[in-house]
Amino acid sequence: MSDQGTLPATNSTPSDQSVPGAPTPGGHNLDRSVCSFDYFEYDGEKAVFYATFDSTDTDPSLAVASAVAVVTNTDPTAIEPLHTTIDTDALDAILTRGPVDGADVTVTFTVEGHTVQLETGGTLSVCLPDADT
């Protein structure tokens, strides 16, 4: 059995046992999410979670808090407040409006010991602390 898996927008497992809120292959439960991801994928070889979300409908800071809550299997209100790590207003503004010249923007920072990378267009990754990157 592979350590990789994709969870579709319904937040269910990709297997025949499609159960809303089922754990991801890494044992992480999407019921912890307070936003809807278009997909949520775990790469077991890299120990990284990848997700996409609608950045026109969801603030990037909310998506980060949701993803970290899922990955750490913690209630979103119990994780370290994101604003203690990064200016959330600036993060949301940069990633939702994008630069004037149309170039892609990538922002990388650490939350709860996890390296988070966000890109314009609603793509994010959360690297597990013990992952070799």
Protein backbone atom coordinates (compact mmCIF):
# COMPACT_ATOMS: atom_id res chain seq x y z
CA MET A 1 0.00 0.00 0.00
CA SER A 2 1.34 3.41 -0.98
CA ASP A 3 2.00 6.25 1.47
CA GLN A 4 0.53 8.66 -1.06
CA GLY A 5 -3.06 9.68 -1.45
CA THR A 6 -5.28 12.44 -2.69
CA LEU A 7 -8.36 13.69 -0.94
CA PRO A 8 -10.88 15.34 -3.26
CA ALA A 9 -12.93 18.46 -2.47
CA THR A 10 -15.43 16.35 -0.54
CA ASN A 11 -12.72 15.77 2.10
CA SER A 12 -13.07 12.00 1.73
CA THR A 13 -10.52 9.30 1.12
CA PRO A 14 -9.69 8.36 -2.48
CA SER A 15 -10.36 4.67 -1.85
CA ASP A 16 -13.55 2.60 -2.06
CA GLN A 17 -14.08 3.49 1.59
CA SER A 18 -15.01 7.14 0.86
CA VAL A 19 -15.94 8.39 4.28
CA PRO A 20 -16.14 12.14 4.93
CA GLY A 21 -13.54 13.17 7.47
CA ALA A 22 -11.57 9.94 7.13
CA PRO A 23 -7.88 10.21 7.98
CA THR A 24 -5.38 10.86 5.24
CA PRO A 25 -2.75 8.19 4.59
CA GLY A 26 -0.62 9.83 7.28
CA GLY A 27 -3.47 9.49 9.80
CA HIS A 28 -4.55 13.13 9.55
CA ASN A 29 -8.23 14.01 9.66
CA LEU A 30 -9.68 16.63 7.32
CA ASP A 31 -12.49 17.29 9.80
CA ARG A 32 -9.91 19.54 11.48
CA SER A 33 -10.09 21.86 8.48
CA VAL A 34 -12.09 25.07 8.70
CA CYS A 35 -11.85 25.66 4.97
CA SER A 36 -12.61 23.55 1.94
CA PHE A 37 -9.60 22.31 0.00
CA ASP A 38 -9.92 21.42 -3.67
CA TYR A 39 -7.58 18.54 -2.87
CA PHE A 40 -5.29 17.52 -0.04
CA GLU A 41 -2.46 15.14 -0.92
CA TYR A 42 0.16 13.48 1.25
CA ASP A 43 3.51 12.46 -0.25
CA GLY A 44 4.88 9.86 2.14
CA GLU A 45 8.30 9.74 0.48
CA LYS A 46 8.84 13.47 1.00
CA ALA A 47 6.71 13.73 4.19
CA VAL A 48 4.92 16.71 2.69
CA PHE A 49 1.23 17.55 2.42
CA TYR A 50 0.11 19.43 -0.68
CA ALA A 51 -3.19 21.25 -0.96
CA THR A 52 -5.04 23.62 -3.22
CA PHE A 53 -7.84 25.97 -2.29
CA ASP A 54 -9.88 28.67 -3.98
CA SER A 55 -7.89 31.80 -3.17
CA THR A 56 -10.73 34.00 -4.41
CA ASP A 57 -13.00 32.52 -1.75
CA THR A 58 -10.61 31.59 1.09
CA ASP A 59 -7.93 33.75 2.66
CA PRO A 60 -4.49 32.11 2.38
CA SER A 61 -3.96 32.61 6.13
CA LEU A 62 -7.13 30.60 6.86
CA ALA A 63 -5.98 27.85 4.49
CA VAL A 64 -2.61 27.68 6.29
CA ALA A 65 -4.24 27.47 9.72
CA SER A 66 -6.57 24.74 8.44
CA ALA A 67 -3.79 22.75 6.79
CA VAL A 68 -1.54 22.93 9.86
CA ALA A 69 -4.46 21.85 12.05
CA VAL A 70 -5.05 18.84 9.79
CA VAL A 71 -1.38 17.90 9.66
CA THR A 72 -0.89 18.23 13.42
CA ASN A 73 -4.28 16.65 14.14
CA THR A 74 -5.12 19.64 16.33
CA ASP A 75 -8.15 21.88 16.60
CA PRO A 76 -7.46 25.00 14.49
CA THR A 77 -8.04 27.24 17.52
CA ALA A 78 -5.39 25.34 19.48
CA ILE A 79 -2.47 25.90 17.11
CA GLU A 80 -0.02 28.77 17.46
CA PRO A 81 -1.74 31.95 16.23
CA LEU A 82 -0.50 32.53 12.71
CA HIS A 83 -0.08 36.26 13.28
CA THR A 84 2.74 35.52 15.76
CA THR A 85 4.75 34.08 12.85
CA ILE A 86 3.79 36.23 9.89
CA ASP A 87 1.74 39.33 9.08
CA THR A 88 -1.49 37.62 8.02
CA ASP A 89 -3.00 40.75 6.45
CA ALA A 90 0.08 41.18 4.25
CA LEU A 91 0.13 37.45 3.44
CA ASP A 92 -3.50 37.51 2.33
CA ALA A 93 -3.02 40.71 0.32
CA ILE A 94 0.10 39.50 -1.48
CA LEU A 95 -1.30 36.10 -2.38
CA THR A 96 -4.83 37.14 -3.35
CA ARG A 97 -3.95 40.23 -5.38
CA GLY A 98 -0.58 39.09 -6.61
CA PRO A 99 2.14 41.38 -7.88
CA VAL A 100 1.43 44.13 -10.37
CA ASP A 101 3.61 42.53 -13.05
CA GLY A 102 1.71 39.22 -12.89
CA ALA A 103 4.67 37.20 -11.59
CA ASP A 104 3.99 34.30 -9.27
CA VAL A 105 4.65 34.83 -5.57
CA THR A 106 5.91 32.16 -3.17
CA VAL A 107 6.03 32.72 0.59
CA THR A 108 7.76 30.26 2.94
CA PHE A 109 7.65 30.33 6.74
CA THR A 110 7.46 27.99 9.75
CA VAL A 111 4.39 27.29 11.89
CA GLU A 112 4.31 24.76 14.74
CA GLY A 113 7.68 23.43 13.51
CA HIS A 114 6.30 22.78 10.02
CA THR A 115 7.67 24.55 6.96
CA VAL A 116 4.74 26.03 5.05
CA GLN A 117 5.00 27.22 1.48
CA LEU A 118 2.21 29.21 -0.20
CA GLU A 119 1.96 30.23 -3.84
CA THR A 120 -0.34 32.53 -5.74
CA GLY A 121 -3.34 30.72 -7.13
CA GLY A 122 -4.11 28.80 -3.92
CA THR A 123 -1.37 26.19 -3.68
CA LEU A 124 0.26 25.30 -0.38
CA SER A 125 2.50 22.67 1.11
CA VAL A 126 3.18 21.68 4.70
CA CYS A 127 6.40 19.80 5.36
CA LEU A 128 6.58 17.55 8.41
CA PRO A 129 9.30 18.63 10.89
CA ASP A 130 11.36 15.45 10.53
CA ALA A 131 11.30 15.49 6.70
CA ASP A 132 14.59 15.74 4.87
CA THR A 133 14.17 18.56 2.37
